[in-house]
Amino acid sequence: MYSTMTNWEFTAMTDEMIHTIKTVYFPRMKSQGAIDVYNIKTSETTGTVVTIWPDKDTADKAMEEAHSVRSDAAAKFDSKVVSMASGPVVAKG
């Protein structure tokens, strides 16, 4: 498995934001082959999205759509990506 992580800053995590993430953005990622997607609230104004892919090739092929999702979310919710990381999943519980 392979993981991509995107760290975000925003004004506030609203109910509308959570609803849109769950019903619009996550399905878009899953349609590209993501196994699962998690939105983690790390503070009142920051969060991390962790996407799990079956392998790096699938993640790489989905990057155009992932970029589109990030751009759409940033515009819709006045938020910004502050950092991104990726790598192989080496352990799972």
PDB file of N, CA and C in Angstrom:
ATOM      1  N   MET A   1       0.850  -1.185   0.000  1.00  0.00           N
ATOM      2  CA  MET A   1       0.000   0.000   0.000  1.00  0.00           C
ATOM      3  C   MET A   1       0.889   1.240   0.000  1.00  0.00           C
ATOM      4  N   TYR A   2       0.302   2.346  -0.411  1.00  0.00           N
ATOM      5  CA  TYR A   2       1.008   3.618  -0.532  1.00  0.00           C
ATOM      6  C   TYR A   2       0.103   4.707   0.026  1.00  0.00           C
ATOM      7  N   SER A   3       0.695   5.734   0.623  1.00  0.00           N
ATOM      8  CA  SER A   3      -0.087   6.798   1.245  1.00  0.00           C
ATOM      9  C   SER A   3       0.356   8.165   0.753  1.00  0.00           C
ATOM     10  N   THR A   4      -0.628   9.044   0.556  1.00  0.00           N
ATOM     11  CA  THR A   4      -0.345  10.461   0.328  1.00  0.00           C
ATOM     12  C   THR A   4      -0.990  11.250   1.453  1.00  0.00           C
ATOM     13  N   MET A   5      -0.297  12.290   1.913  1.00  0.00           N
ATOM     14  CA  MET A   5      -0.786  13.123   3.012  1.00  0.00           C
ATOM     15  C   MET A   5      -0.711  14.588   2.599  1.00  0.00           C
ATOM     16  N   THR A   6      -1.799  15.307   2.826  1.00  0.00           N
ATOM     17  CA  THR A   6      -1.858  16.727   2.494  1.00  0.00           C
ATOM     18  C   THR A   6      -2.255  17.488   3.749  1.00  0.00           C
ATOM     19  N   ASN A   7      -1.423  18.448   4.149  1.00  0.00           N
ATOM     20  CA  ASN A   7      -1.690  19.276   5.329  1.00  0.00           C
ATOM     21  C   ASN A   7      -2.284  20.607   4.892  1.00  0.00           C
ATOM     22  N   TRP A   8      -3.374  20.975   5.560  1.00  0.00           N
ATOM     23  CA  TRP A   8      -4.175  22.141   5.180  1.00  0.00           C
ATOM     24  C   TRP A   8      -4.252  23.163   6.301  1.00  0.00           C
ATOM     25  N   GLU A   9      -4.444  24.427   5.916  1.00  0.00           N
ATOM     26  CA  GLU A   9      -4.840  25.505   6.828  1.00  0.00           C
ATOM     27  C   GLU A   9      -6.152  26.073   6.316  1.00  0.00           C
ATOM     28  N   PHE A  10      -7.043  26.414   7.244  1.00  0.00           N
ATOM     29  CA  PHE A  10      -8.335  26.984   6.882  1.00  0.00           C
ATOM     30  C   PHE A  10      -8.809  27.868   8.026  1.00  0.00           C
ATOM     31  N   THR A  11      -9.843  28.658   7.759  1.00  0.00           N
ATOM     32  CA  THR A  11     -10.392  29.541   8.792  1.00  0.00           C
ATOM     33  C   THR A  11     -11.078  28.734   9.881  1.00  0.00           C
ATOM     34  N   ALA A  12     -11.892  27.781   9.476  1.00  0.00           N
ATOM     35  CA  ALA A  12     -12.600  26.913  10.427  1.00  0.00           C
ATOM     36  C   ALA A  12     -13.099  25.693   9.677  1.00  0.00           C
ATOM     37  N   MET A  13     -13.163  24.558  10.356  1.00  0.00           N
ATOM     38  CA  MET A  13     -13.736  23.361   9.762  1.00  0.00           C
ATOM     39  C   MET A  13     -15.232  23.370  10.053  1.00  0.00           C
ATOM     40  N   THR A  14     -16.011  23.646   9.026  1.00  0.00           N
ATOM     41  CA  THR A  14     -17.457  23.784   9.193  1.00  0.00           C
ATOM     42  C   THR A  14     -18.177  22.483   8.851  1.00  0.00           C
ATOM     43  N   ASP A  15     -19.437  22.399   9.238  1.00  0.00           N
ATOM     44  CA  ASP A  15     -20.249  21.238   8.874  1.00  0.00           C
ATOM     45  C   ASP A  15     -20.372  21.121   7.355  1.00  0.00           C
ATOM     46  N   GLU A  16     -20.508  22.262   6.670  1.00  0.00           N
ATOM     47  CA  GLU A  16     -20.591  22.254   5.204  1.00  0.00           C
ATOM     48  C   GLU A  16     -19.309  21.679   4.605  1.00  0.00           C
ATOM     49  N   MET A  17     -18.171  22.067   5.155  1.00  0.00           N
ATOM     50  CA  MET A  17     -16.890  21.571   4.663  1.00  0.00           C
ATOM     51  C   MET A  17     -16.812  20.045   4.830  1.00  0.00           C
ATOM     52  N   ILE A  18     -17.141  19.560   5.997  1.00  0.00           N
ATOM     53  CA  ILE A  18     -17.085  18.120   6.263  1.00  0.00           C
ATOM     54  C   ILE A  18     -18.028  17.364   5.333  1.00  0.00           C
ATOM     55  N   HIS A  19     -19.234  17.888   5.160  1.00  0.00           N
ATOM     56  CA  HIS A  19     -20.209  17.247   4.269  1.00  0.00           C
ATOM     57  C   HIS A  19     -19.671  17.174   2.834  1.00  0.00           C
ATOM     58  N   THR A  20     -19.113  18.264   2.346  1.00  0.00           N
ATOM     59  CA  THR A  20     -18.594  18.307   0.981  1.00  0.00           C
ATOM     60  C   THR A  20     -17.392  17.379   0.822  1.00  0.00           C
ATOM     61  N   ILE A  21     -16.533  17.343   1.813  1.00  0.00           N
ATOM     62  CA  ILE A  21     -15.382  16.441   1.775  1.00  0.00           C
ATOM     63  C   ILE A  21     -15.867  14.999   1.640  1.00  0.00           C
ATOM     64  N   LYS A  22     -16.846  14.634   2.472  1.00  0.00           N
ATOM     65  CA  LYS A  22     -17.328  13.245   2.489  1.00  0.00           C
ATOM     66  C   LYS A  22     -18.132  12.867   1.249  1.00  0.00           C
ATOM     67  N   THR A  23     -18.909  13.808   0.712  1.00  0.00           N
ATOM     68  CA  THR A  23     -19.827  13.456  -0.375  1.00  0.00           C
ATOM     69  C   THR A  23     -19.334  13.834  -1.775  1.00  0.00           C
ATOM     70  N   VAL A  24     -18.333  14.708  -1.856  1.00  0.00           N
ATOM     71  CA  VAL A  24     -17.838  15.139  -3.169  1.00  0.00           C
ATOM     72  C   VAL A  24     -16.370  14.753  -3.362  1.00  0.00           C
ATOM     73  N   TYR A  25     -15.497  15.223  -2.476  1.00  0.00           N
ATOM     74  CA  TYR A  25     -14.058  15.047  -2.696  1.00  0.00           C
ATOM     75  C   TYR A  25     -13.581  13.626  -2.458  1.00  0.00           C
ATOM     76  N   PHE A  26     -14.008  12.996  -1.374  1.00  0.00           N
ATOM     77  CA  PHE A  26     -13.573  11.624  -1.123  1.00  0.00           C
ATOM     78  C   PHE A  26     -14.043  10.667  -2.215  1.00  0.00           C
ATOM     79  N   PRO A  27     -15.288  10.761  -2.679  1.00  0.00           N
ATOM     80  CA  PRO A  27     -15.683   9.879  -3.793  1.00  0.00           C
ATOM     81  C   PRO A  27     -14.849  10.101  -5.059  1.00  0.00           C
ATOM     82  N   ARG A  28     -14.431  11.325  -5.299  1.00  0.00           N
ATOM     83  CA  ARG A  28     -13.577  11.582  -6.460  1.00  0.00           C
ATOM     84  C   ARG A  28     -12.247  10.845  -6.316  1.00  0.00           C
ATOM     85  N   MET A  29     -11.686  10.830  -5.117  1.00  0.00           N
ATOM     86  CA  MET A  29     -10.425  10.125  -4.900  1.00  0.00           C
ATOM     87  C   MET A  29     -10.619   8.613  -5.009  1.00  0.00           C
ATOM     88  N   LYS A  30     -11.713   8.126  -4.450  1.00  0.00           N
ATOM     89  CA  LYS A  30     -11.977   6.685  -4.526  1.00  0.00           C
ATOM     90  C   LYS A  30     -12.224   6.244  -5.968  1.00  0.00           C
ATOM     91  N   SER A  31     -12.805   7.114  -6.780  1.00  0.00           N
ATOM     92  CA  SER A  31     -13.028   6.766  -8.187  1.00  0.00           C
ATOM     93  C   SER A  31     -11.708   6.622  -8.945  1.00  0.00           C
ATOM     94  N   GLN A  32     -10.636   7.162  -8.383  1.00  0.00           N
ATOM     95  CA  GLN A  32      -9.309   7.059  -8.993  1.00  0.00           C
ATOM     96  C   GLN A  32      -8.506   5.877  -8.449  1.00  0.00           C
ATOM     97  N   GLY A  33      -9.125   5.110  -7.520  1.00  0.00           N
ATOM     98  CA  GLY A  33      -8.464   3.912  -7.016  1.00  0.00           C
ATOM     99  C   GLY A  33      -8.058   3.947  -5.561  1.00  0.00           C
ATOM    100  N   ALA A  34      -8.337   5.052  -4.856  1.00  0.00           N
ATOM    101  CA  ALA A  34      -7.987   5.112  -3.432  1.00  0.00           C
ATOM    102  C   ALA A  34      -8.734   4.019  -2.664  1.00  0.00           C
ATOM    103  N   ILE A  35      -8.029   3.368  -1.754  1.00  0.00           N
ATOM    104  CA  ILE A  35      -8.645   2.365  -0.889  1.00  0.00           C
ATOM    105  C   ILE A  35      -9.478   3.055   0.184  1.00  0.00           C
ATOM    106  N   ASP A  36      -8.909   4.106   0.768  1.00  0.00           N
ATOM    107  CA  ASP A  36      -9.615   4.866   1.796  1.00  0.00           C
ATOM    108  C   ASP A  36      -9.028   6.260   1.888  1.00  0.00           C
ATOM    109  N   VAL A  37      -9.808   7.179   2.462  1.00  0.00           N
ATOM    110  CA  VAL A  37      -9.386   8.568   2.627  1.00  0.00           C
ATOM    111  C   VAL A  37      -9.843   9.025   4.005  1.00  0.00           C
ATOM    112  N   TYR A  38      -8.952   9.703   4.724  1.00  0.00           N
ATOM    113  CA  TYR A  38      -9.251  10.190   6.071  1.00  0.00           C
ATOM    114  C   TYR A  38      -8.975  11.685   6.144  1.00  0.00           C
ATOM    115  N   ASN A  39      -9.872  12.420   6.797  1.00  0.00           N
ATOM    116  CA  ASN A  39      -9.656  13.836   7.084  1.00  0.00           C
ATOM    117  C   ASN A  39      -9.464  13.940   8.587  1.00  0.00           C
ATOM    118  N   ILE A  40      -8.294  14.397   9.009  1.00  0.00           N
ATOM    119  CA  ILE A  40      -7.941  14.452  10.418  1.00  0.00           C
ATOM    120  C   ILE A  40      -7.843  15.913  10.848  1.00  0.00           C
ATOM    121  N   LYS A  41      -8.642  16.299  11.821  1.00  0.00           N
ATOM    122  CA  LYS A  41      -8.606  17.661  12.356  1.00  0.00           C
ATOM    123  C   LYS A  41      -7.450  17.740  13.351  1.00  0.00           C
ATOM    124  N   THR A  42      -6.430  18.529  13.009  1.00  0.00           N
ATOM    125  CA  THR A  42      -5.253  18.619  13.868  1.00  0.00           C
ATOM    126  C   THR A  42      -5.277  19.841  14.784  1.00  0.00           C
ATOM    127  N   SER A  43      -6.126  20.808  14.462  1.00  0.00           N
ATOM    128  CA  SER A  43      -6.375  21.964  15.337  1.00  0.00           C
ATOM    129  C   SER A  43      -7.649  22.636  14.820  1.00  0.00           C
ATOM    130  N   GLU A  44      -8.025  23.747  15.404  1.00  0.00           N
ATOM    131  CA  GLU A  44      -9.216  24.461  14.944  1.00  0.00           C
ATOM    132  C   GLU A  44      -9.052  25.016  13.533  1.00  0.00           C
ATOM    133  N   THR A  45      -7.820  25.205  13.090  1.00  0.00           N
ATOM    134  CA  THR A  45      -7.576  25.810  11.778  1.00  0.00           C
ATOM    135  C   THR A  45      -6.655  24.984  10.881  1.00  0.00           C
ATOM    136  N   THR A  46      -6.396  23.729  11.246  1.00  0.00           N
ATOM    137  CA  THR A  46      -5.540  22.875  10.419  1.00  0.00           C
ATOM    138  C   THR A  46      -6.099  21.456  10.353  1.00  0.00           C
ATOM    139  N   GLY A  47      -5.747  20.782   9.283  1.00  0.00           N
ATOM    140  CA  GLY A  47      -6.157  19.395   9.122  1.00  0.00           C
ATOM    141  C   GLY A  47      -5.239  18.679   8.158  1.00  0.00           C
ATOM    142  N   THR A  48      -5.310  17.372   8.186  1.00  0.00           N
ATOM    143  CA  THR A  48      -4.508  16.530   7.299  1.00  0.00           C
ATOM    144  C   THR A  48      -5.424  15.531   6.615  1.00  0.00           C
ATOM    145  N   VAL A  49      -5.246  15.390   5.311  1.00  0.00           N
ATOM    146  CA  VAL A  49      -5.962  14.373   4.554  1.00  0.00           C
ATOM    147  C   VAL A  49      -4.957  13.263   4.243  1.00  0.00           C
ATOM    148  N   VAL A  50      -5.308  12.051   4.648  1.00  0.00           N
ATOM    149  CA  VAL A  50      -4.473  10.878   4.388  1.00  0.00           C
ATOM    150  C   VAL A  50      -5.243   9.981   3.420  1.00  0.00           C
ATOM    151  N   THR A  51      -4.628   9.695   2.304  1.00  0.00           N
ATOM    152  CA  THR A  51      -5.239   8.832   1.301  1.00  0.00           C
ATOM    153  C   THR A  51      -4.395   7.564   1.180  1.00  0.00           C
ATOM    154  N   ILE A  52      -5.071   6.426   1.233  1.00  0.00           N
ATOM    155  CA  ILE A  52      -4.396   5.139   1.114  1.00  0.00           C
ATOM    156  C   ILE A  52      -4.690   4.565  -0.265  1.00  0.00           C
ATOM    157  N   TRP A  53      -3.631   4.203  -0.957  1.00  0.00           N
ATOM    158  CA  TRP A  53      -3.703   3.658  -2.315  1.00  0.00           C
ATOM    159  C   TRP A  53      -3.208   2.215  -2.309  1.00  0.00           C
ATOM    160  N   PRO A  54      -3.631   1.413  -3.265  1.00  0.00           N
ATOM    161  CA  PRO A  54      -3.130   0.041  -3.306  1.00  0.00           C
ATOM    162  C   PRO A  54      -1.625  -0.025  -3.585  1.00  0.00           C
ATOM    163  N   ASP A  55      -1.117   0.964  -4.359  1.00  0.00           N
ATOM    164  CA  ASP A  55       0.307   0.984  -4.707  1.00  0.00           C
ATOM    165  C   ASP A  55       0.668   2.371  -5.243  1.00  0.00           C
ATOM    166  N   LYS A  56       1.976   2.602  -5.392  1.00  0.00           N
ATOM    167  CA  LYS A  56       2.461   3.897  -5.853  1.00  0.00           C
ATOM    168  C   LYS A  56       1.992   4.206  -7.268  1.00  0.00           C
ATOM    169  N   ASP A  57       1.949   3.195  -8.134  1.00  0.00           N
ATOM    170  CA  ASP A  57       1.507   3.431  -9.511  1.00  0.00           C
ATOM    171  C   ASP A  57       0.090   3.993  -9.560  1.00  0.00           C
ATOM    172  N   THR A  58      -0.809   3.432  -8.744  1.00  0.00           N
ATOM    173  CA  THR A  58      -2.190   3.932  -8.701  1.00  0.00           C
ATOM    174  C   THR A  58      -2.215   5.367  -8.205  1.00  0.00           C
ATOM    175  N   ALA A  59      -1.446   5.646  -7.149  1.00  0.00           N
ATOM    176  CA  ALA A  59      -1.381   7.013  -6.617  1.00  0.00           C
ATOM    177  C   ALA A  59      -0.845   7.976  -7.671  1.00  0.00           C
ATOM    178  N   ASP A  60       0.220   7.582  -8.349  1.00  0.00           N
ATOM    179  CA  ASP A  60       0.804   8.448  -9.380  1.00  0.00           C
ATOM    180  C   ASP A  60      -0.194   8.745 -10.498  1.00  0.00           C
ATOM    181  N   LYS A  61      -0.945   7.739 -10.920  1.00  0.00           N
ATOM    182  CA  LYS A  61      -1.924   7.928 -11.989  1.00  0.00           C
ATOM    183  C   LYS A  61      -3.075   8.834 -11.556  1.00  0.00           C
ATOM    184  N   ALA A  62      -3.337   8.906 -10.254  1.00  0.00           N
ATOM    185  CA  ALA A  62      -4.445   9.708  -9.731  1.00  0.00           C
ATOM    186  C   ALA A  62      -4.045  11.148  -9.409  1.00  0.00           C
ATOM    187  N   MET A  63      -2.799  11.515  -9.573  1.00  0.00           N
ATOM    188  CA  MET A  63      -2.336  12.828  -9.122  1.00  0.00           C
ATOM    189  C   MET A  63      -2.987  13.995  -9.852  1.00  0.00           C
ATOM    190  N   GLU A  64      -3.357  13.836 -11.099  1.00  0.00           N
ATOM    191  CA  GLU A  64      -4.041  14.932 -11.802  1.00  0.00           C
ATOM    192  C   GLU A  64      -5.390  15.218 -11.142  1.00  0.00           C
ATOM    193  N   GLU A  65      -6.141  14.161 -10.841  1.00  0.00           N
ATOM    194  CA  GLU A  65      -7.429  14.342 -10.162  1.00  0.00           C
ATOM    195  C   GLU A  65      -7.212  14.849  -8.734  1.00  0.00           C
ATOM    196  N   ALA A  66      -6.185  14.357  -8.050  1.00  0.00           N
ATOM    197  CA  ALA A  66      -5.901  14.821  -6.688  1.00  0.00           C
ATOM    198  C   ALA A  66      -5.588  16.317  -6.692  1.00  0.00           C
ATOM    199  N   HIS A  67      -4.835  16.764  -7.664  1.00  0.00           N
ATOM    200  CA  HIS A  67      -4.539  18.198  -7.781  1.00  0.00           C
ATOM    201  C   HIS A  67      -5.823  18.994  -8.019  1.00  0.00           C
ATOM    202  N   SER A  68      -6.702  18.473  -8.855  1.00  0.00           N
ATOM    203  CA  SER A  68      -7.977  19.133  -9.121  1.00  0.00           C
ATOM    204  C   SER A  68      -8.827  19.209  -7.847  1.00  0.00           C
ATOM    205  N   VAL A  69      -8.869  18.131  -7.082  1.00  0.00           N
ATOM    206  CA  VAL A  69      -9.622  18.127  -5.820  1.00  0.00           C
ATOM    207  C   VAL A  69      -9.045  19.167  -4.867  1.00  0.00           C
ATOM    208  N   ARG A  70      -7.724  19.202  -4.734  1.00  0.00           N
ATOM    209  CA  ARG A  70      -7.099  20.192  -3.833  1.00  0.00           C
ATOM    210  C   ARG A  70      -7.415  21.618  -4.286  1.00  0.00           C
ATOM    211  N   SER A  71      -7.325  21.878  -5.576  1.00  0.00           N
ATOM    212  CA  SER A  71      -7.628  23.218  -6.097  1.00  0.00           C
ATOM    213  C   SER A  71      -9.075  23.605  -5.836  1.00  0.00           C
ATOM    214  N   ASP A  72      -9.998  22.682  -6.094  1.00  0.00           N
ATOM    215  CA  ASP A  72     -11.420  22.953  -5.856  1.00  0.00           C
ATOM    216  C   ASP A  72     -11.685  23.231  -4.382  1.00  0.00           C
ATOM    217  N   ALA A  73     -11.118  22.404  -3.506  1.00  0.00           N
ATOM    218  CA  ALA A  73     -11.343  22.578  -2.060  1.00  0.00           C
ATOM    219  C   ALA A  73     -10.742  23.886  -1.567  1.00  0.00           C
ATOM    220  N   ALA A  74      -9.556  24.232  -2.039  1.00  0.00           N
ATOM    221  CA  ALA A  74      -8.917  25.474  -1.604  1.00  0.00           C
ATOM    222  C   ALA A  74      -9.773  26.679  -1.983  1.00  0.00           C
ATOM    223  N   ALA A  75     -10.315  26.671  -3.174  1.00  0.00           N
ATOM    224  CA  ALA A  75     -11.148  27.790  -3.626  1.00  0.00           C
ATOM    225  C   ALA A  75     -12.485  27.830  -2.888  1.00  0.00           C
ATOM    226  N   LYS A  76     -13.112  26.676  -2.725  1.00  0.00           N
ATOM    227  CA  LYS A  76     -14.441  26.635  -2.120  1.00  0.00           C
ATOM    228  C   LYS A  76     -14.416  27.020  -0.647  1.00  0.00           C
ATOM    229  N   PHE A  77     -13.374  26.630   0.062  1.00  0.00           N
ATOM    230  CA  PHE A  77     -13.354  26.819   1.518  1.00  0.00           C
ATOM    231  C   PHE A  77     -12.287  27.788   1.997  1.00  0.00           C
ATOM    232  N   ASP A  78     -11.760  28.628   1.105  1.00  0.00           N
ATOM    233  CA  ASP A  78     -10.761  29.610   1.493  1.00  0.00           C
ATOM    234  C   ASP A  78      -9.693  28.950   2.365  1.00  0.00           C
ATOM    235  N   SER A  79      -9.111  27.896   1.824  1.00  0.00           N
ATOM    236  CA  SER A  79      -8.097  27.144   2.552  1.00  0.00           C
ATOM    237  C   SER A  79      -6.866  27.010   1.671  1.00  0.00           C
ATOM    238  N   LYS A  80      -5.774  26.510   2.261  1.00  0.00           N
ATOM    239  CA  LYS A  80      -4.577  26.324   1.450  1.00  0.00           C
ATOM    240  C   LYS A  80      -3.795  25.107   1.918  1.00  0.00           C
ATOM    241  N   VAL A  81      -3.133  24.485   0.967  1.00  0.00           N
ATOM    242  CA  VAL A  81      -2.241  23.378   1.260  1.00  0.00           C
ATOM    243  C   VAL A  81      -0.936  23.970   1.790  1.00  0.00           C
ATOM    244  N   VAL A  82      -0.479  23.468   2.944  1.00  0.00           N
ATOM    245  CA  VAL A  82       0.787  23.963   3.502  1.00  0.00           C
ATOM    246  C   VAL A  82       1.925  22.992   3.302  1.00  0.00           C
ATOM    247  N   SER A  83       1.626  21.709   3.130  1.00  0.00           N
ATOM    248  CA  SER A  83       2.669  20.741   2.820  1.00  0.00           C
ATOM    249  C   SER A  83       2.033  19.428   2.370  1.00  0.00           C
ATOM    250  N   MET A  84       2.854  18.634   1.696  1.00  0.00           N
ATOM    251  CA  MET A  84       2.397  17.322   1.243  1.00  0.00           C
ATOM    252  C   MET A  84       3.559  16.346   1.426  1.00  0.00           C
ATOM    253  N   ALA A  85       3.183  15.083   1.621  1.00  0.00           N
ATOM    254  CA  ALA A  85       4.179  14.015   1.742  1.00  0.00           C
ATOM    255  C   ALA A  85       3.546  12.743   1.211  1.00  0.00           C
ATOM    256  N   SER A  86       4.385  11.780   0.898  1.00  0.00           N
ATOM    257  CA  SER A  86       3.886  10.481   0.442  1.00  0.00           C
ATOM    258  C   SER A  86       4.927   9.428   0.717  1.00  0.00           C
ATOM    259  N   GLY A  87       4.469   8.185   0.749  1.00  0.00           N
ATOM    260  CA  GLY A  87       5.394   7.085   0.940  1.00  0.00           C
ATOM    261  C   GLY A  87       4.686   5.773   1.135  1.00  0.00           C
ATOM    262  N   PRO A  88       5.452   4.691   1.111  1.00  0.00           N
ATOM    263  CA  PRO A  88       4.860   3.372   1.277  1.00  0.00           C
ATOM    264  C   PRO A  88       4.380   3.152   2.707  1.00  0.00           C
ATOM    265  N   VAL A  89       3.270   2.439   2.846  1.00  0.00           N
ATOM    266  CA  VAL A  89       2.783   2.030   4.159  1.00  0.00           C
ATOM    267  C   VAL A  89       3.640   0.826   4.565  1.00  0.00           C
ATOM    268  N   VAL A  90       4.325   0.934   5.699  1.00  0.00           N
ATOM    269  CA  VAL A  90       5.239  -0.137   6.113  1.00  0.00           C
ATOM    270  C   VAL A  90       4.670  -1.011   7.228  1.00  0.00           C
ATOM    271  N   ALA A  91       3.596  -0.559   7.871  1.00  0.00           N
ATOM    272  CA  ALA A  91       2.950  -1.370   8.908  1.00  0.00           C
ATOM    273  C   ALA A  91       1.493  -0.974   9.012  1.00  0.00           C
ATOM    274  N   LYS A  92       0.667  -1.941   9.332  1.00  0.00           N
ATOM    275  CA  LYS A  92      -0.767  -1.709   9.493  1.00  0.00           C
ATOM    276  C   LYS A  92      -1.237  -2.545  10.672  1.00  0.00           C
ATOM    277  N   GLY A  93      -2.086  -1.964  11.514  1.00  0.00           N
ATOM    278  CA  GLY A  93      -2.548  -2.700  12.686  1.00  0.00           C
ATOM    279  C   GLY A  93      -3.917  -3.267  12.517  1.00  0.00           C
TER     280      GLY A  93
END
